C-alpha atoms as a PDB file:
ATOM      1  CA  MET A   1     150.125  94.268 -19.193  1.00  0.00           C
ATOM      2  CA  ILE A   2     151.118  93.212 -15.478  1.00  0.00           C
ATOM      3  CA  ASP A   3     149.364  95.833 -13.264  1.00  0.00           C
ATOM      4  CA  SER A   4     152.431  97.600 -11.280  1.00  0.00           C
ATOM      5  CA  ARG A   5     150.340  98.219  -8.067  1.00  0.00           C
ATOM      6  CA  THR A   6     149.424  94.423  -7.509  1.00  0.00           C
ATOM      7  CA  PRO A   7     151.362  93.046  -5.330  1.00  0.00           C
ATOM      8  CA  PRO A   8     153.182  89.857  -6.964  1.00  0.00           C
ATOM      9  CA  GLU A   9     151.291  86.431  -5.268  1.00  0.00           C
ATOM     10  CA  VAL A  10     154.387  85.229  -3.677  1.00  0.00           C
ATOM     11  CA  ASP A  11     153.988  88.336  -1.796  1.00  0.00           C
ATOM     12  CA  ARG A  12     150.329  88.246  -1.086  1.00  0.00           C
ATOM     13  CA  VAL A  13     151.106  84.854  -0.130  1.00  0.00           C
ATOM     14  CA  ALA A  14     153.778  85.795   2.555  1.00  0.00           C
ATOM     15  CA  ALA A  15     151.564  88.496   3.688  1.00  0.00           C
ATOM     16  CA  SER A  16     148.742  86.064   4.505  1.00  0.00           C
ATOM     17  CA  ARG A  17     150.685  83.809   6.379  1.00  0.00           C
ATOM     18  CA  ARG A  18     152.332  86.642   8.348  1.00  0.00           C
ATOM     19  CA  ALA A  19     148.923  87.975   9.238  1.00  0.00           C
ATOM     20  CA  VAL A  20     147.494  83.715  10.631  1.00  0.00           C
ATOM     21  CA  ALA A  21     151.060  84.334  12.324  1.00  0.00           C
ATOM     22  CA  ALA A  22     150.151  87.251  14.066  1.00  0.00           C
ATOM     23  CA  ARG A  23     146.387  86.204  14.970  1.00  0.00           C
ATOM     24  CA  ARG A  24     147.750  83.021  16.182  1.00  0.00           C
ATOM     25  CA  GLU A  25     150.200  84.416  18.612  1.00  0.00           C
ATOM     26  CA  ARG A  26     147.446  87.142  19.898  1.00  0.00           C
ATOM     27  CA  ALA A  27     145.214  84.339  20.396  1.00  0.00           C
ATOM     28  CA  ALA A  28     147.844  82.803  22.711  1.00  0.00           C
ATOM     29  CA  LEU A  29     148.828  85.912  24.632  1.00  0.00           C
ATOM     30  CA  LYS A  30     145.350  86.238  25.377  1.00  0.00           C
ATOM     31  CA  HIS A  31     145.246  82.954  26.246  1.00  0.00           C
ATOM     32  CA  ASP A  32     148.437  83.438  28.314  1.00  0.00           C
ATOM     33  CA  VAL A  33     146.905  85.965  30.265  1.00  0.00           C
ATOM     34  CA  ALA A  34     143.278  84.053  31.254  1.00  0.00           C
ATOM     35  CA  MET A  35     145.059  81.645  32.564  1.00  0.00           C
ATOM     36  CA  ARG A  36     147.218  83.778  34.517  1.00  0.00           C
ATOM     37  CA  VAL A  37     150.990  82.547  32.909  1.00  0.00           C
ATOM     38  CA  ILE A  38     151.268  86.411  32.192  1.00  0.00           C
ATOM     39  CA  THR A  39     150.463  89.109  34.112  1.00  0.00           C
ATOM     40  CA  PRO A  40     148.107  91.669  31.904  1.00  0.00           C
ATOM     41  CA  GLN A  41     150.725  94.449  33.129  1.00  0.00           C
ATOM     42  CA  GLU A  42     153.542  92.568  31.516  1.00  0.00           C
ATOM     43  CA  LEU A  43     151.664  92.611  28.063  1.00  0.00           C
ATOM     44  CA  LEU A  44     150.876  95.840  28.221  1.00  0.00           C
ATOM     45  CA  ALA A  45     154.242  96.530  28.773  1.00  0.00           C
ATOM     46  CA  ARG A  46     155.442  94.064  25.609  1.00  0.00           C
ATOM     47  CA  ALA A  47     152.858  96.462  23.374  1.00  0.00           C
ATOM     48  CA  LEU A  48     153.656  99.522  24.536  1.00  0.00           C
ATOM     49  CA  ALA A  49     157.522  98.621  23.858  1.00  0.00           C
ATOM     50  CA  GLU A  50     156.722  96.779  20.704  1.00  0.00           C
ATOM     51  CA  PRO A  51     153.556  98.721  18.870  1.00  0.00           C
ATOM     52  CA  ASP A  52     153.853  96.808  15.813  1.00  0.00           C
ATOM     53  CA  SER A  53     154.204  93.231  17.590  1.00  0.00           C
ATOM     54  CA  PRO A  54     151.187  91.174  18.043  1.00  0.00           C
ATOM     55  CA  ALA A  55     150.620  92.365  21.400  1.00  0.00           C
ATOM     56  CA  GLY A  56     150.944  95.812  20.313  1.00  0.00           C
ATOM     57  CA  ALA A  57     148.215  95.227  17.417  1.00  0.00           C
ATOM     58  CA  MET A  58     145.902  93.821  20.443  1.00  0.00           C
ATOM     59  CA  ARG A  59     142.553  95.551  20.724  1.00  0.00           C
ATOM     60  CA  ILE A  60     141.758  96.963  23.972  1.00  0.00           C
ATOM     61  CA  THR A  61     138.279  95.032  23.823  1.00  0.00           C
ATOM     62  CA  ASP A  62     140.413  91.799  23.183  1.00  0.00           C
ATOM     63  CA  PHE A  63     142.544  92.329  25.544  1.00  0.00           C
ATOM     64  CA  LEU A  64     139.856  93.136  28.643  1.00  0.00           C
ATOM     65  CA  THR A  65     137.358  90.490  27.801  1.00  0.00           C
ATOM     66  CA  ALA A  66     140.651  87.977  28.169  1.00  0.00           C
ATOM     67  CA  LEU A  67     140.655  88.857  31.975  1.00  0.00           C
ATOM     68  CA  PRO A  68     139.490  87.202  34.565  1.00  0.00           C
ATOM     69  CA  ALA A  69     135.777  87.869  35.382  1.00  0.00           C
ATOM     70  CA  ILE A  70     135.562  90.771  32.626  1.00  0.00           C
ATOM     71  CA  GLY A  71     132.853  90.287  30.451  1.00  0.00           C
ATOM     72  CA  GLU A  72     131.331  92.792  27.332  1.00  0.00           C
ATOM     73  CA  GLY A  73     129.412  94.535  29.637  1.00  0.00           C
ATOM     74  CA  LYS A  74     131.927  94.626  32.101  1.00  0.00           C
ATOM     75  CA  ARG A  75     134.588  95.785  29.639  1.00  0.00           C
ATOM     76  CA  ASP A  76     132.748  98.446  27.385  1.00  0.00           C
ATOM     77  CA  ARG A  77     131.930  99.980  30.982  1.00  0.00           C
ATOM     78  CA  ILE A  78     135.701 100.111  32.372  1.00  0.00           C
ATOM     79  CA  LEU A  79     136.491 101.702  28.536  1.00  0.00           C
ATOM     80  CA  ALA A  80     133.915 104.826  29.332  1.00  0.00           C
ATOM     81  CA  ALA A  81     135.506 105.144  32.569  1.00  0.00           C
ATOM     82  CA  LEU A  82     138.801 105.276  31.390  1.00  0.00           C
ATOM     83  CA  GLY A  83     138.281 107.144  28.362  1.00  0.00           C
ATOM     84  CA  ILE A  84     139.039 104.626  25.796  1.00  0.00           C
ATOM     85  CA  SER A  85     138.061 103.957  22.598  1.00  0.00           C
ATOM     86  CA  PRO A  86     137.468 100.347  21.996  1.00  0.00           C
ATOM     87  CA  VAL A  87     138.937 100.439  18.681  1.00  0.00           C
ATOM     88  CA  LYS A  88     142.212 101.404  20.103  1.00  0.00           C
ATOM     89  CA  LYS A  89     144.815  98.855  19.442  1.00  0.00           C
ATOM     90  CA  LEU A  90     147.249  98.506  23.197  1.00  0.00           C
ATOM     91  CA  GLY A  91     150.329  99.612  21.172  1.00  0.00           C
ATOM     92  CA  GLY A  92     148.648 102.769  20.290  1.00  0.00           C
ATOM     93  CA  LEU A  93     147.243 104.081  23.532  1.00  0.00           C
ATOM     94  CA  GLY A  94     148.132 107.589  24.327  1.00  0.00           C
ATOM     95  CA  VAL A  95     150.225 108.694  27.161  1.00  0.00           C
ATOM     96  CA  ARG A  96     146.894 109.457  29.387  1.00  0.00           C
ATOM     97  CA  GLN A  97     145.245 106.620  28.331  1.00  0.00           C
ATOM     98  CA  ARG A  98     148.213 104.274  29.632  1.00  0.00           C
ATOM     99  CA  VAL A  99     148.263 105.938  32.859  1.00  0.00           C
ATOM    100  CA  SER A 100     144.980 105.165  33.390  1.00  0.00           C
ATOM    101  CA  LEU A 101     144.853 101.413  32.365  1.00  0.00           C
ATOM    102  CA  GLN A 102     147.715 100.914  34.332  1.00  0.00           C
ATOM    103  CA  GLY A 103     146.461 102.071  37.287  1.00  0.00           C
ATOM    104  CA  TRP A 104     143.249 100.176  36.867  1.00  0.00           C
ATOM    105  CA  LEU A 105     145.253  96.822  36.644  1.00  0.00           C
ATOM    106  CA  ASP A 106     147.085  97.622  39.308  1.00  0.00           C
ATOM    107  CA  ASP A 107     144.113  98.335  41.720  1.00  0.00           C
ATOM    108  CA  ARG A 108     142.491  95.087  40.321  1.00  0.00           C
ATOM    109  CA  PHE A 109     145.565  93.232  39.895  1.00  0.00           C
ATOM    110  CA  PRO A 110     147.670  93.983  42.431  1.00  0.00           C
ATOM    111  CA  PRO A 111     151.650  93.421  41.864  1.00  0.00           C
ATOM    112  CA  LEU A 112     153.592  91.380  44.064  1.00  0.00           C
ATOM    113  CA  ALA A 113     154.505  93.163  46.832  1.00  0.00           C
ATOM    114  CA  PRO A 114     157.441  91.104  49.112  1.00  0.00           C
ATOM    115  CA  ARG A 115     157.185  91.843  52.863  1.00  0.00           C
ATOM    116  CA  ALA A 116     159.614  93.314  54.984  1.00  0.00           C
ATOM    117  CA  ASP A 117     162.004  91.052  57.460  1.00  0.00           C
ATOM    118  CA  ARG A 118     162.094  87.666  55.757  1.00  0.00           C
ATOM    119  CA  SER A 119     163.968  84.341  56.502  1.00  0.00           C
ATOM    120  CA  ARG A 120     166.211  82.753  55.081  1.00  0.00           C
ATOM    121  CA  LEU A 121     163.590  80.079  54.443  1.00  0.00           C
ATOM    122  CA  ILE A 122     163.091  80.332  50.707  1.00  0.00           C
ATOM    123  CA  VAL A 123     160.265  78.297  49.304  1.00  0.00           C
ATOM    124  CA  LEU A 124     159.861  77.195  45.493  1.00  0.00           C
ATOM    125  CA  ALA A 125     156.339  76.403  44.570  1.00  0.00           C
ATOM    126  CA  GLY A 126     154.709  76.737  40.653  1.00  0.00           C
ATOM    127  CA  PRO A 127     151.998  74.374  38.975  1.00  0.00           C
ATOM    128  CA  THR A 128     153.178  70.960  37.572  1.00  0.00           C
ATOM    129  CA  ALA A 129     155.446  70.804  35.026  1.00  0.00           C
ATOM    130  CA  VAL A 130     157.296  74.018  35.269  1.00  0.00           C
ATOM    131  CA  GLY A 131     160.692  72.651  35.693  1.00  0.00           C
ATOM    132  CA  LYS A 132     160.805  73.584  40.007  1.00  0.00           C
ATOM    133  CA  GLY A 133     163.171  70.212  40.341  1.00  0.00           C
ATOM    134  CA  THR A 134     165.052  71.116  37.309  1.00  0.00           C
ATOM    135  CA  VAL A 135     165.416  74.919  38.468  1.00  0.00           C
ATOM    136  CA  ALA A 136     166.421  73.741  42.005  1.00  0.00           C
ATOM    137  CA  ALA A 137     168.994  71.305  41.065  1.00  0.00           C
ATOM    138  CA  ARG A 138     170.936  73.773  39.107  1.00  0.00           C
ATOM    139  CA  VAL A 139     170.540  76.023  42.164  1.00  0.00           C
ATOM    140  CA  ARG A 140     171.912  73.434  44.270  1.00  0.00           C
ATOM    141  CA  GLU A 141     174.825  72.584  41.711  1.00  0.00           C
ATOM    142  CA  HIS A 142     175.797  76.310  41.432  1.00  0.00           C
ATOM    143  CA  HIS A 143     175.141  77.338  44.709  1.00  0.00           C
ATOM    144  CA  PRO A 144     176.266  75.083  47.385  1.00  0.00           C
ATOM    145  CA  GLU A 145     175.751  77.467  50.143  1.00  0.00           C
ATOM    146  CA  ILE A 146     171.918  77.556  49.357  1.00  0.00           C
ATOM    147  CA  MET A 147     170.882  73.728  51.272  1.00  0.00           C
ATOM    148  CA  LEU A 148     168.422  72.316  48.869  1.00  0.00           C
ATOM    149  CA  SER A 149     165.957  70.149  51.413  1.00  0.00           C
ATOM    150  CA  VAL A 150     164.994  66.542  50.758  1.00  0.00           C
ATOM    151  CA  SER A 151     160.945  65.604  51.177  1.00  0.00           C
ATOM    152  CA  ALA A 152     159.408  62.476  51.702  1.00  0.00           C
ATOM    153  CA  THR A 153     157.050  61.189  49.011  1.00  0.00           C
ATOM    154  CA  THR A 154     155.237  58.188  48.714  1.00  0.00           C
ATOM    155  CA  ARG A 155     155.690  57.721  45.001  1.00  0.00           C
ATOM    156  CA  ALA A 156     157.522  55.620  43.438  1.00  0.00           C
ATOM    157  CA  PRO A 157     160.969  56.600  41.751  1.00  0.00           C
ATOM    158  CA  ARG A 158     160.851  58.288  38.658  1.00  0.00           C
ATOM    159  CA  PRO A 159     163.745  56.813  36.290  1.00  0.00           C
ATOM    160  CA  GLY A 160     167.265  58.275  37.684  1.00  0.00           C
ATOM    161  CA  GLU A 161     166.030  59.729  41.047  1.00  0.00           C
ATOM    162  CA  VAL A 162     168.184  58.738  43.750  1.00  0.00           C
ATOM    163  CA  ASP A 163     166.219  58.000  47.255  1.00  0.00           C
ATOM    164  CA  GLY A 164     167.748  60.198  49.668  1.00  0.00           C
ATOM    165  CA  GLU A 165     169.034  62.486  46.905  1.00  0.00           C
ATOM    166  CA  HIS A 166     166.116  63.807  45.430  1.00  0.00           C
ATOM    167  CA  TYR A 167     163.408  62.370  47.576  1.00  0.00           C
ATOM    168  CA  PHE A 168     163.122  59.864  50.559  1.00  0.00           C
ATOM    169  CA  PHE A 169     160.966  57.393  48.952  1.00  0.00           C
ATOM    170  CA  VAL A 170     158.838  55.762  51.890  1.00  0.00           C
ATOM    171  CA  ASP A 171     155.620  54.135  51.804  1.00  0.00           C
ATOM    172  CA  ASP A 172     151.890  55.235  53.579  1.00  0.00           C
ATOM    173  CA  ALA A 173     153.043  53.863  57.190  1.00  0.00           C
ATOM    174  CA  ALA A 174     156.194  55.245  57.248  1.00  0.00           C
ATOM    175  CA  PHE A 175     154.836  58.686  56.290  1.00  0.00           C
ATOM    176  CA  ASP A 176     152.033  58.350  58.693  1.00  0.00           C
ATOM    177  CA  GLU A 177     154.147  57.778  60.995  1.00  0.00           C
ATOM    178  CA  LEU A 178     156.319  61.016  60.159  1.00  0.00           C
ATOM    179  CA  ILE A 179     153.219  62.679  60.751  1.00  0.00           C
ATOM    180  CA  ARG A 180     152.277  61.464  63.793  1.00  0.00           C
ATOM    181  CA  SER A 181     155.842  62.542  65.298  1.00  0.00           C
ATOM    182  CA  GLY A 182     155.558  65.926  64.183  1.00  0.00           C
ATOM    183  CA  ALA A 183     158.584  65.639  62.025  1.00  0.00           C
ATOM    184  CA  LEU A 184     157.632  67.580  59.057  1.00  0.00           C
ATOM    185  CA  LEU A 185     157.210  71.121  58.605  1.00  0.00           C
ATOM    186  CA  GLU A 186     154.610  70.722  55.827  1.00  0.00           C
ATOM    187  CA  HIS A 187     152.812  67.821  54.120  1.00  0.00           C
ATOM    188  CA  ALA A 188     150.275  67.395  51.136  1.00  0.00           C
ATOM    189  CA  THR A 189     148.853  64.847  49.089  1.00  0.00           C
ATOM    190  CA  VAL A 190     149.091  65.976  45.364  1.00  0.00           C
ATOM    191  CA  HIS A 191     147.208  65.012  42.485  1.00  0.00           C
ATOM    192  CA  ASN A 192     144.860  63.431  44.397  1.00  0.00           C
ATOM    193  CA  ALA A 193     147.796  60.060  44.613  1.00  0.00           C
ATOM    194  CA  PHE A 194     150.909  60.827  46.327  1.00  0.00           C
ATOM    195  CA  ARG A 195     151.624  62.497  49.650  1.00  0.00           C
ATOM    196  CA  TYR A 196     154.711  64.762  50.040  1.00  0.00           C
ATOM    197  CA  GLY A 197     156.063  66.119  53.316  1.00  0.00           C
ATOM    198  CA  THR A 198     158.849  68.154  54.396  1.00  0.00           C
ATOM    199  CA  PRO A 199     161.274  66.823  57.102  1.00  0.00           C
ATOM    200  CA  LYS A 200     161.280  69.283  60.053  1.00  0.00           C
ATOM    201  CA  ALA A 201     164.756  68.644  61.545  1.00  0.00           C
ATOM    202  CA  PRO A 202     167.397  69.115  58.777  1.00  0.00           C
ATOM    203  CA  ILE A 203     166.088  72.766  58.219  1.00  0.00           C
ATOM    204  CA  GLU A 204     165.805  73.816  61.575  1.00  0.00           C
ATOM    205  CA  LYS A 205     169.725  72.625  61.645  1.00  0.00           C
ATOM    206  CA  ALA A 206     170.475  74.549  58.901  1.00  0.00           C
ATOM    207  CA  LEU A 207     168.816  77.643  59.458  1.00  0.00           C
ATOM    208  CA  ALA A 208     170.137  77.707  63.165  1.00  0.00           C
ATOM    209  CA  GLU A 209     173.639  77.452  61.564  1.00  0.00           C
ATOM    210  CA  GLY A 210     172.745  80.882  59.353  1.00  0.00           C
ATOM    211  CA  ARG A 211     172.762  78.739  56.125  1.00  0.00           C
ATOM    212  CA  THR A 212     169.854  79.710  53.130  1.00  0.00           C
ATOM    213  CA  VAL A 213     167.595  76.774  52.998  1.00  0.00           C
ATOM    214  CA  LEU A 214     165.979  76.008  49.552  1.00  0.00           C
ATOM    215  CA  LEU A 215     162.285  74.035  49.812  1.00  0.00           C
ATOM    216  CA  GLU A 216     161.151  73.058  46.321  1.00  0.00           C
ATOM    217  CA  ILE A 217     157.275  71.788  47.276  1.00  0.00           C
ATOM    218  CA  ASP A 218     153.762  72.284  45.611  1.00  0.00           C
ATOM    219  CA  LEU A 219     151.166  75.217  46.135  1.00  0.00           C
ATOM    220  CA  GLN A 220     149.781  73.145  49.251  1.00  0.00           C
ATOM    221  CA  GLY A 221     152.838  72.436  50.992  1.00  0.00           C
ATOM    222  CA  ALA A 222     154.172  76.441  50.191  1.00  0.00           C
ATOM    223  CA  ARG A 223     150.899  77.740  52.230  1.00  0.00           C
ATOM    224  CA  GLN A 224     151.171  75.311  55.117  1.00  0.00           C
ATOM    225  CA  VAL A 225     155.423  76.774  55.469  1.00  0.00           C
ATOM    226  CA  ARG A 226     153.186  79.972  55.052  1.00  0.00           C
ATOM    227  CA  ALA A 227     150.775  79.659  58.415  1.00  0.00           C
ATOM    228  CA  ALA A 228     153.914  77.873  60.514  1.00  0.00           C
ATOM    229  CA  ALA A 229     156.774  79.832  58.922  1.00  0.00           C
ATOM    230  CA  PRO A 230     154.949  83.602  58.433  1.00  0.00           C
ATOM    231  CA  ASP A 231     158.665  85.051  57.481  1.00  0.00           C
ATOM    232  CA  ALA A 232     159.731  82.593  54.948  1.00  0.00           C
ATOM    233  CA  THR A 233     159.951  83.818  51.373  1.00  0.00           C
ATOM    234  CA  LEU A 234     157.933  82.542  48.990  1.00  0.00           C
ATOM    235  CA  VAL A 235     158.830  82.646  45.073  1.00  0.00           C
ATOM    236  CA  PHE A 236     156.239  81.320  42.300  1.00  0.00           C
ATOM    237  CA  LEU A 237     157.917  79.459  39.438  1.00  0.00           C
ATOM    238  CA  THR A 238     155.676  80.183  35.841  1.00  0.00           C
ATOM    239  CA  PRO A 239     156.120  78.635  32.411  1.00  0.00           C
ATOM    240  CA  PRO A 240     156.391  81.228  29.688  1.00  0.00           C
ATOM    241  CA  SER A 241     153.435  80.144  28.262  1.00  0.00           C
ATOM    242  CA  TRP A 242     150.611  77.629  28.748  1.00  0.00           C
ATOM    243  CA  ASP A 243     151.345  75.970  25.697  1.00  0.00           C
ATOM    244  CA  GLU A 244     154.620  76.016  27.092  1.00  0.00           C
ATOM    245  CA  LEU A 245     153.541  74.215  30.442  1.00  0.00           C
ATOM    246  CA  VAL A 246     151.596  71.427  28.494  1.00  0.00           C
ATOM    247  CA  SER A 247     154.085  70.488  25.942  1.00  0.00           C
ATOM    248  CA  ARG A 248     156.648  69.874  28.689  1.00  0.00           C
ATOM    249  CA  LEU A 249     153.983  67.559  30.630  1.00  0.00           C
ATOM    250  CA  VAL A 250     153.421  65.447  27.367  1.00  0.00           C
ATOM    251  CA  GLY A 251     157.022  65.673  26.516  1.00  0.00           C
ATOM    252  CA  ARG A 252     158.503  63.924  30.045  1.00  0.00           C
ATOM    253  CA  GLY A 253     156.045  60.872  29.360  1.00  0.00           C
ATOM    254  CA  THR A 254     156.028  60.202  33.031  1.00  0.00           C
ATOM    255  CA  GLU A 255     152.051  60.252  33.414  1.00  0.00           C
ATOM    256  CA  ASP A 256     149.302  59.020  31.375  1.00  0.00           C
ATOM    257  CA  ALA A 257     146.586  61.000  29.526  1.00  0.00           C
ATOM    258  CA  GLU A 258     144.079  60.637  32.220  1.00  0.00           C
ATOM    259  CA  GLU A 259     146.798  61.853  34.865  1.00  0.00           C
ATOM    260  CA  ARG A 260     148.152  65.052  32.196  1.00  0.00           C
ATOM    261  CA  ALA A 261     144.341  65.938  32.081  1.00  0.00           C
ATOM    262  CA  ARG A 262     144.075  66.023  35.887  1.00  0.00           C
ATOM    263  CA  ARG A 263     147.404  67.925  36.399  1.00  0.00           C
ATOM    264  CA  LEU A 264     146.792  70.560  33.772  1.00  0.00           C
ATOM    265  CA  LYS A 265     143.446  70.871  35.812  1.00  0.00           C
ATOM    266  CA  THR A 266     145.486  71.522  39.586  1.00  0.00           C
ATOM    267  CA  ALA A 267     147.698  73.727  36.887  1.00  0.00           C
ATOM    268  CA  LYS A 268     144.989  76.193  36.155  1.00  0.00           C
ATOM    269  CA  THR A 269     144.349  76.569  39.845  1.00  0.00           C
ATOM    270  CA  GLU A 270     148.181  76.775  41.281  1.00  0.00           C
ATOM    271  CA  LEU A 271     148.654  78.997  38.441  1.00  0.00           C
ATOM    272  CA  ALA A 272     145.507  81.373  40.001  1.00  0.00           C
ATOM    273  CA  ALA A 273     147.683  81.744  43.656  1.00  0.00           C
ATOM    274  CA  GLN A 274     150.408  84.098  42.444  1.00  0.00           C
ATOM    275  CA  GLN A 275     149.226  86.684  44.218  1.00  0.00           C
ATOM    276  CA  GLU A 276     150.103  84.503  47.657  1.00  0.00           C
ATOM    277  CA  PHE A 277     153.689  85.046  47.048  1.00  0.00           C
ATOM    278  CA  ASP A 278     156.414  87.807  47.031  1.00  0.00           C
ATOM    279  CA  TYR A 279     158.044  86.776  44.020  1.00  0.00           C
ATOM    280  CA  ARG A 280     157.344  85.616  40.553  1.00  0.00           C
ATOM    281  CA  VAL A 281     160.281  83.771  38.300  1.00  0.00           C
ATOM    282  CA  VAL A 282     159.688  82.889  34.799  1.00  0.00           C
ATOM    283  CA  ASN A 283     161.237  79.496  34.118  1.00  0.00           C
ATOM    284  CA  ASP A 284     162.182  80.165  30.326  1.00  0.00           C
ATOM    285  CA  ASP A 285     165.713  79.354  30.432  1.00  0.00           C
ATOM    286  CA  VAL A 286     166.777  76.989  33.101  1.00  0.00           C
ATOM    287  CA  ALA A 287     170.245  78.637  34.169  1.00  0.00           C
ATOM    288  CA  ARG A 288     168.492  82.308  33.886  1.00  0.00           C
ATOM    289  CA  ALA A 289     165.738  81.060  36.296  1.00  0.00           C
ATOM    290  CA  ALA A 290     167.749  79.855  39.012  1.00  0.00           C
ATOM    291  CA  ALA A 291     170.206  82.966  39.264  1.00  0.00           C
ATOM    292  CA  GLU A 292     167.218  85.197  39.248  1.00  0.00           C
ATOM    293  CA  VAL A 293     165.776  82.564  42.545  1.00  0.00           C
ATOM    294  CA  ALA A 294     169.403  82.136  44.024  1.00  0.00           C
ATOM    295  CA  SER A 295     169.905  85.798  43.984  1.00  0.00           C
ATOM    296  CA  LEU A 296     166.346  86.349  45.896  1.00  0.00           C
ATOM    297  CA  ALA A 297     167.823  83.659  48.160  1.00  0.00           C
ATOM    298  CA  LEU A 298     170.996  85.155  48.923  1.00  0.00           C
ATOM    299  CA  GLY A 299     169.909  88.862  48.589  1.00  0.00           C
END
């Protein structure tokens, strides 16, 4: 006789697979927060919006220890100060607990705060392989009123890249002359290999004509632009997840294993610099991300 209280074997197997998938998703979310791909506030918002999701099922203890510089001892002190039980899950927090946790997060990890009186010079930066060039090209295609600056570089063209359209490809001697003559708004050596720089004259001309200019550059260059033009608007492009960033870098096949490892190490540092920017845009869909960048540029 079959015990009707015992679930069929197929149900148990399916339930086990769902549990494994949920654990993996929670682990990926914790990794994304630790790598600063998503903000703690974003993860909390997902958990509260869908309490039954992997984010909602994450224990508060796991959430806090995923944050930078939070160990078990500090975690326990934070929970005591906030009045939250360590057995709580993010999706099960009460109203008062949500408010206290949100306030603590905003104090420790302040949301981006765009400055007033920004110019029409827009800087798009982000970690390696996040798709800055693809998003910038989409903006240029659909918003011709925005001028996309063309950078100079000492690296060789990749397949499909055209000199003067994607980059000005120059040798080291020519790049040295651009620096010596003060012709670059910013310049930097990227990934300890090649140099990149932004010609100054076309940007100054376009801004003088009242046009909006978009620069697609790396973190070092963005910092130099901020120093040279404090009123520039800085936009940080992020991947939807760390795993997606790794997949994009491996998938494009333009770097060997050693170079990929070096770029991923750099990406970790770059992701930690988001607080220096005015806006954060997630590149989960190129068309959507480009539209958001354009709206920030033209808004």
